[in-house]
Amino acid sequence: MTTAACPPPASAPAAGDEGTATPADACAFVIFGVTGDLAARKLMPALWTLHRQGSLHPETRIVGYARSDGDDASLRRDLRNALHEHHGEVSDDAWAELASRIHYVRGGYDDADGHADLAERLQELRLARRLFYTATPPDTYAGIAEAMDHAGLCAAPEGGWV
């Protein structure tokens, strides 16, 4: 699993003091394999917790990328169902805040057209900081990296990072 991280929050909440953290800088958090088990069981609950603690910047966007058919609405529905299953109760108001920041791009892991669509979506979001997380089998990493490079996703936008 390959990861990069958004800068840590300026201050993390003390134990039992959730909701007072300073959020990290806004970024686009791209999850390759967003429709898979790892995203459902581990990533979404972690992002939900960060959101609920106030540690996820309100302008941060979660961009899911996978081979499965779908769109923004279906990904939001599926992630909420997974969150409910793996994390428990989900507040409607808090979910609405986070769900509006979740987007979906469909494409194969080594698909140039899919990665071009991803690059276009990221341009539309106008976030110069981009984190890419591969929640996919290791044999997909090389194809993902090559397709990202071909689509210009390995270079940081002006003023940002990858």
C-alpha atoms as a PDB file:
ATOM      1  CA  MET A   1       0.000   0.000   0.000  1.00  0.00           C
ATOM      2  CA  THR A   2       1.474   3.362  -1.022  1.00  0.00           C
ATOM      3  CA  THR A   3       0.524   6.526   0.813  1.00  0.00           C
ATOM      4  CA  ALA A   4       1.415  10.152   1.170  1.00  0.00           C
ATOM      5  CA  ALA A   5       0.002  12.316   3.878  1.00  0.00           C
ATOM      6  CA  CYS A   6      -1.641  15.696   4.181  1.00  0.00           C
ATOM      7  CA  PRO A   7       0.342  17.792   6.628  1.00  0.00           C
ATOM      8  CA  PRO A   8      -0.656  16.951  10.199  1.00  0.00           C
ATOM      9  CA  PRO A   9      -3.002  19.310  11.992  1.00  0.00           C
ATOM     10  CA  ALA A  10      -1.349  22.152  13.881  1.00  0.00           C
ATOM     11  CA  SER A  11      -2.779  20.660  17.055  1.00  0.00           C
ATOM     12  CA  ALA A  12      -4.366  17.302  17.660  1.00  0.00           C
ATOM     13  CA  PRO A  13      -7.208  16.921  20.131  1.00  0.00           C
ATOM     14  CA  ALA A  14      -6.334  15.615  23.544  1.00  0.00           C
ATOM     15  CA  ALA A  15      -7.906  12.314  24.552  1.00  0.00           C
ATOM     16  CA  GLY A  16     -11.604  12.912  25.128  1.00  0.00           C
ATOM     17  CA  ASP A  17     -11.398  16.390  23.555  1.00  0.00           C
ATOM     18  CA  GLU A  18     -12.690  15.631  20.064  1.00  0.00           C
ATOM     19  CA  GLY A  19     -13.894  18.488  17.931  1.00  0.00           C
ATOM     20  CA  THR A  20     -11.241  21.056  18.897  1.00  0.00           C
ATOM     21  CA  ALA A  21      -8.455  20.159  16.483  1.00  0.00           C
ATOM     22  CA  THR A  22      -7.118  22.582  13.914  1.00  0.00           C
ATOM     23  CA  PRO A  23      -7.698  20.996  10.499  1.00  0.00           C
ATOM     24  CA  ALA A  24      -4.876  20.151   8.134  1.00  0.00           C
ATOM     25  CA  ASP A  25      -4.571  22.156   4.928  1.00  0.00           C
ATOM     26  CA  ALA A  26      -7.205  21.490   2.281  1.00  0.00           C
ATOM     27  CA  CYS A  27      -6.303  18.827  -0.237  1.00  0.00           C
ATOM     28  CA  ALA A  28      -7.766  16.408  -2.737  1.00  0.00           C
ATOM     29  CA  PHE A  29      -7.561  12.930  -1.164  1.00  0.00           C
ATOM     30  CA  VAL A  30      -7.666  10.498  -4.104  1.00  0.00           C
ATOM     31  CA  ILE A  31      -8.400   6.877  -3.263  1.00  0.00           C
ATOM     32  CA  PHE A  32      -7.645   4.313  -5.969  1.00  0.00           C
ATOM     33  CA  GLY A  33      -9.843   1.285  -5.291  1.00  0.00           C
ATOM     34  CA  VAL A  34     -12.462   3.288  -3.395  1.00  0.00           C
ATOM     35  CA  THR A  35     -15.164   0.655  -3.969  1.00  0.00           C
ATOM     36  CA  GLY A  36     -13.117  -2.096  -2.337  1.00  0.00           C
ATOM     37  CA  ASP A  37     -13.001  -3.623   1.116  1.00  0.00           C
ATOM     38  CA  LEU A  38     -10.045  -1.610   2.462  1.00  0.00           C
ATOM     39  CA  ALA A  39     -11.782   1.690   1.730  1.00  0.00           C
ATOM     40  CA  ALA A  40     -15.018   0.459   3.295  1.00  0.00           C
ATOM     41  CA  ARG A  41     -13.521  -1.065   6.455  1.00  0.00           C
ATOM     42  CA  LYS A  42     -10.595   1.236   7.197  1.00  0.00           C
ATOM     43  CA  LEU A  43     -10.342   4.413   5.129  1.00  0.00           C
ATOM     44  CA  MET A  44     -13.907   5.657   5.335  1.00  0.00           C
ATOM     45  CA  PRO A  45     -14.156   5.182   9.117  1.00  0.00           C
ATOM     46  CA  ALA A  46     -10.803   6.992   9.521  1.00  0.00           C
ATOM     47  CA  LEU A  47     -11.892   9.889   7.299  1.00  0.00           C
ATOM     48  CA  TRP A  48     -15.239  10.016   9.107  1.00  0.00           C
ATOM     49  CA  THR A  49     -13.449  10.271  12.459  1.00  0.00           C
ATOM     50  CA  LEU A  50     -11.209  13.069  11.171  1.00  0.00           C
ATOM     51  CA  HIS A  51     -14.282  14.870   9.846  1.00  0.00           C
ATOM     52  CA  ARG A  52     -16.154  14.525  13.135  1.00  0.00           C
ATOM     53  CA  GLN A  53     -13.096  15.735  15.119  1.00  0.00           C
ATOM     54  CA  GLY A  54     -12.725  18.786  12.896  1.00  0.00           C
ATOM     55  CA  SER A  55      -9.326  17.575  11.667  1.00  0.00           C
ATOM     56  CA  LEU A  56     -10.395  17.256   8.026  1.00  0.00           C
ATOM     57  CA  HIS A  57     -10.283  20.681   6.398  1.00  0.00           C
ATOM     58  CA  PRO A  58     -13.773  21.740   5.230  1.00  0.00           C
ATOM     59  CA  GLU A  59     -12.446  22.303   1.705  1.00  0.00           C
ATOM     60  CA  THR A  60     -10.782  18.875   1.467  1.00  0.00           C
ATOM     61  CA  ARG A  61     -12.352  16.691  -1.208  1.00  0.00           C
ATOM     62  CA  ILE A  62     -12.351  12.899  -1.317  1.00  0.00           C
ATOM     63  CA  VAL A  63     -12.071  11.658  -4.879  1.00  0.00           C
ATOM     64  CA  GLY A  64     -12.719   7.966  -5.345  1.00  0.00           C
ATOM     65  CA  TYR A  65     -11.346   6.165  -8.391  1.00  0.00           C
ATOM     66  CA  ALA A  66     -12.272   2.594  -9.317  1.00  0.00           C
ATOM     67  CA  ARG A  67     -13.280   0.291 -12.141  1.00  0.00           C
ATOM     68  CA  SER A  68     -16.850  -0.157 -10.887  1.00  0.00           C
ATOM     69  CA  ASP A  69     -19.801   1.507 -12.575  1.00  0.00           C
ATOM     70  CA  GLY A  70     -21.079   4.441 -10.607  1.00  0.00           C
ATOM     71  CA  ASP A  71     -21.193   8.168 -10.065  1.00  0.00           C
ATOM     72  CA  ASP A  72     -20.891  10.632  -7.192  1.00  0.00           C
ATOM     73  CA  ALA A  73     -24.326   9.763  -5.781  1.00  0.00           C
ATOM     74  CA  SER A  74     -23.825   5.993  -5.859  1.00  0.00           C
ATOM     75  CA  LEU A  75     -20.374   6.262  -4.251  1.00  0.00           C
ATOM     76  CA  ARG A  76     -21.781   8.476  -1.497  1.00  0.00           C
ATOM     77  CA  ARG A  77     -24.568   5.961  -0.859  1.00  0.00           C
ATOM     78  CA  ASP A  78     -22.184   2.991  -0.821  1.00  0.00           C
ATOM     79  CA  LEU A  79     -19.689   4.720   1.483  1.00  0.00           C
ATOM     80  CA  ARG A  80     -22.425   5.723   3.919  1.00  0.00           C
ATOM     81  CA  ASN A  81     -23.672   2.127   3.999  1.00  0.00           C
ATOM     82  CA  ALA A  82     -20.123   0.883   4.598  1.00  0.00           C
ATOM     83  CA  LEU A  83     -19.577   3.480   7.291  1.00  0.00           C
ATOM     84  CA  HIS A  84     -22.775   2.443   9.037  1.00  0.00           C
ATOM     85  CA  GLU A  85     -21.718  -1.213   8.843  1.00  0.00           C
ATOM     86  CA  HIS A  86     -18.121  -0.741  10.012  1.00  0.00           C
ATOM     87  CA  HIS A  87     -18.388   2.282  12.288  1.00  0.00           C
ATOM     88  CA  GLY A  88     -21.943   2.420  13.626  1.00  0.00           C
ATOM     89  CA  GLU A  89     -24.478   5.239  13.698  1.00  0.00           C
ATOM     90  CA  VAL A  90     -23.968   8.051  11.221  1.00  0.00           C
ATOM     91  CA  SER A  91     -25.412  11.496  11.947  1.00  0.00           C
ATOM     92  CA  ASP A  92     -27.471  12.727   8.971  1.00  0.00           C
ATOM     93  CA  ASP A  93     -26.240  16.319   9.312  1.00  0.00           C
ATOM     94  CA  ALA A  94     -22.570  15.396   9.696  1.00  0.00           C
ATOM     95  CA  TRP A  95     -22.841  12.927   6.811  1.00  0.00           C
ATOM     96  CA  ALA A  96     -24.421  15.584   4.562  1.00  0.00           C
ATOM     97  CA  GLU A  97     -21.438  17.866   5.253  1.00  0.00           C
ATOM     98  CA  LEU A  98     -18.943  15.167   4.284  1.00  0.00           C
ATOM     99  CA  ALA A  99     -20.920  13.563   1.447  1.00  0.00           C
ATOM    100  CA  SER A 100     -21.056  16.804  -0.533  1.00  0.00           C
ATOM    101  CA  ARG A 101     -17.244  16.615  -0.673  1.00  0.00           C
ATOM    102  CA  ILE A 102     -17.077  13.062  -2.091  1.00  0.00           C
ATOM    103  CA  HIS A 103     -16.605  12.578  -5.839  1.00  0.00           C
ATOM    104  CA  TYR A 104     -16.192   9.573  -8.119  1.00  0.00           C
ATOM    105  CA  VAL A 105     -14.204   8.934 -11.280  1.00  0.00           C
ATOM    106  CA  ARG A 106     -14.490   5.604 -13.067  1.00  0.00           C
ATOM    107  CA  GLY A 107     -11.540   4.058 -14.853  1.00  0.00           C
ATOM    108  CA  GLY A 108      -9.142   1.152 -14.994  1.00  0.00           C
ATOM    109  CA  TYR A 109      -6.042   1.322 -12.887  1.00  0.00           C
ATOM    110  CA  ASP A 110      -3.739   1.521 -15.910  1.00  0.00           C
ATOM    111  CA  ASP A 111      -6.296   3.267 -18.150  1.00  0.00           C
ATOM    112  CA  ALA A 112      -4.991   6.477 -19.737  1.00  0.00           C
ATOM    113  CA  ASP A 113      -8.504   7.799 -20.437  1.00  0.00           C
ATOM    114  CA  GLY A 114      -9.640   7.185 -16.862  1.00  0.00           C
ATOM    115  CA  HIS A 115      -6.613   8.998 -15.489  1.00  0.00           C
ATOM    116  CA  ALA A 116      -7.215  11.873 -17.921  1.00  0.00           C
ATOM    117  CA  ASP A 117     -10.759  12.072 -16.502  1.00  0.00           C
ATOM    118  CA  LEU A 118      -9.273  12.075 -13.000  1.00  0.00           C
ATOM    119  CA  ALA A 119      -6.880  14.888 -13.925  1.00  0.00           C
ATOM    120  CA  GLU A 120      -9.803  16.875 -15.319  1.00  0.00           C
ATOM    121  CA  ARG A 121     -11.865  16.358 -12.149  1.00  0.00           C
ATOM    122  CA  LEU A 122      -8.927  17.453  -9.994  1.00  0.00           C
ATOM    123  CA  GLN A 123      -8.522  20.586 -12.134  1.00  0.00           C
ATOM    124  CA  GLU A 124     -12.210  21.362 -11.584  1.00  0.00           C
ATOM    125  CA  LEU A 125     -11.758  21.072  -7.817  1.00  0.00           C
ATOM    126  CA  ARG A 126      -8.903  23.622  -7.878  1.00  0.00           C
ATOM    127  CA  LEU A 127      -6.960  22.054  -5.021  1.00  0.00           C
ATOM    128  CA  ALA A 128      -3.193  22.296  -5.492  1.00  0.00           C
ATOM    129  CA  ARG A 129      -2.451  19.784  -2.716  1.00  0.00           C
ATOM    130  CA  ARG A 130      -3.111  16.209  -3.798  1.00  0.00           C
ATOM    131  CA  LEU A 131      -2.739  12.998  -1.863  1.00  0.00           C
ATOM    132  CA  PHE A 132      -2.968   9.667  -3.734  1.00  0.00           C
ATOM    133  CA  TYR A 133      -3.729   6.481  -1.816  1.00  0.00           C
ATOM    134  CA  THR A 134      -3.705   3.043  -3.415  1.00  0.00           C
ATOM    135  CA  ALA A 135      -6.251   0.778  -1.749  1.00  0.00           C
ATOM    136  CA  THR A 136      -5.590  -1.791  -4.454  1.00  0.00           C
ATOM    137  CA  PRO A 137      -3.626  -5.022  -4.861  1.00  0.00           C
ATOM    138  CA  PRO A 138       0.144  -4.496  -5.181  1.00  0.00           C
ATOM    139  CA  ASP A 139       0.163  -5.774  -8.771  1.00  0.00           C
ATOM    140  CA  THR A 140      -1.782  -2.632  -9.803  1.00  0.00           C
ATOM    141  CA  TYR A 141       0.745  -0.110  -8.449  1.00  0.00           C
ATOM    142  CA  ALA A 142       2.983   0.087 -11.524  1.00  0.00           C
ATOM    143  CA  GLY A 143       0.047   0.562 -13.893  1.00  0.00           C
ATOM    144  CA  ILE A 144      -1.445   3.244 -11.652  1.00  0.00           C
ATOM    145  CA  ALA A 145       1.873   5.113 -11.419  1.00  0.00           C
ATOM    146  CA  GLU A 146       2.471   4.949 -15.171  1.00  0.00           C
ATOM    147  CA  ALA A 147      -1.057   6.126 -15.998  1.00  0.00           C
ATOM    148  CA  MET A 148      -0.776   8.924 -13.420  1.00  0.00           C
ATOM    149  CA  ASP A 149       2.493  10.054 -14.986  1.00  0.00           C
ATOM    150  CA  HIS A 150       0.984   9.947 -18.486  1.00  0.00           C
ATOM    151  CA  ALA A 151      -1.943  12.114 -17.289  1.00  0.00           C
ATOM    152  CA  GLY A 152       0.388  14.622 -15.613  1.00  0.00           C
ATOM    153  CA  LEU A 153      -0.733  13.671 -12.111  1.00  0.00           C
ATOM    154  CA  CYS A 154       2.762  13.023 -10.738  1.00  0.00           C
ATOM    155  CA  ALA A 155       3.737  16.697 -10.965  1.00  0.00           C
ATOM    156  CA  ALA A 156       2.459  19.049  -8.287  1.00  0.00           C
ATOM    157  CA  PRO A 157       0.295  21.917  -9.477  1.00  0.00           C
ATOM    158  CA  GLU A 158       1.735  25.402  -8.874  1.00  0.00           C
ATOM    159  CA  GLY A 159       1.807  26.095  -5.152  1.00  0.00           C
ATOM    160  CA  GLY A 160       0.863  22.521  -4.265  1.00  0.00           C
ATOM    161  CA  TRP A 161       2.250  19.082  -3.593  1.00  0.00           C
ATOM    162  CA  VAL A 162       1.645  15.493  -4.579  1.00  0.00           C
END
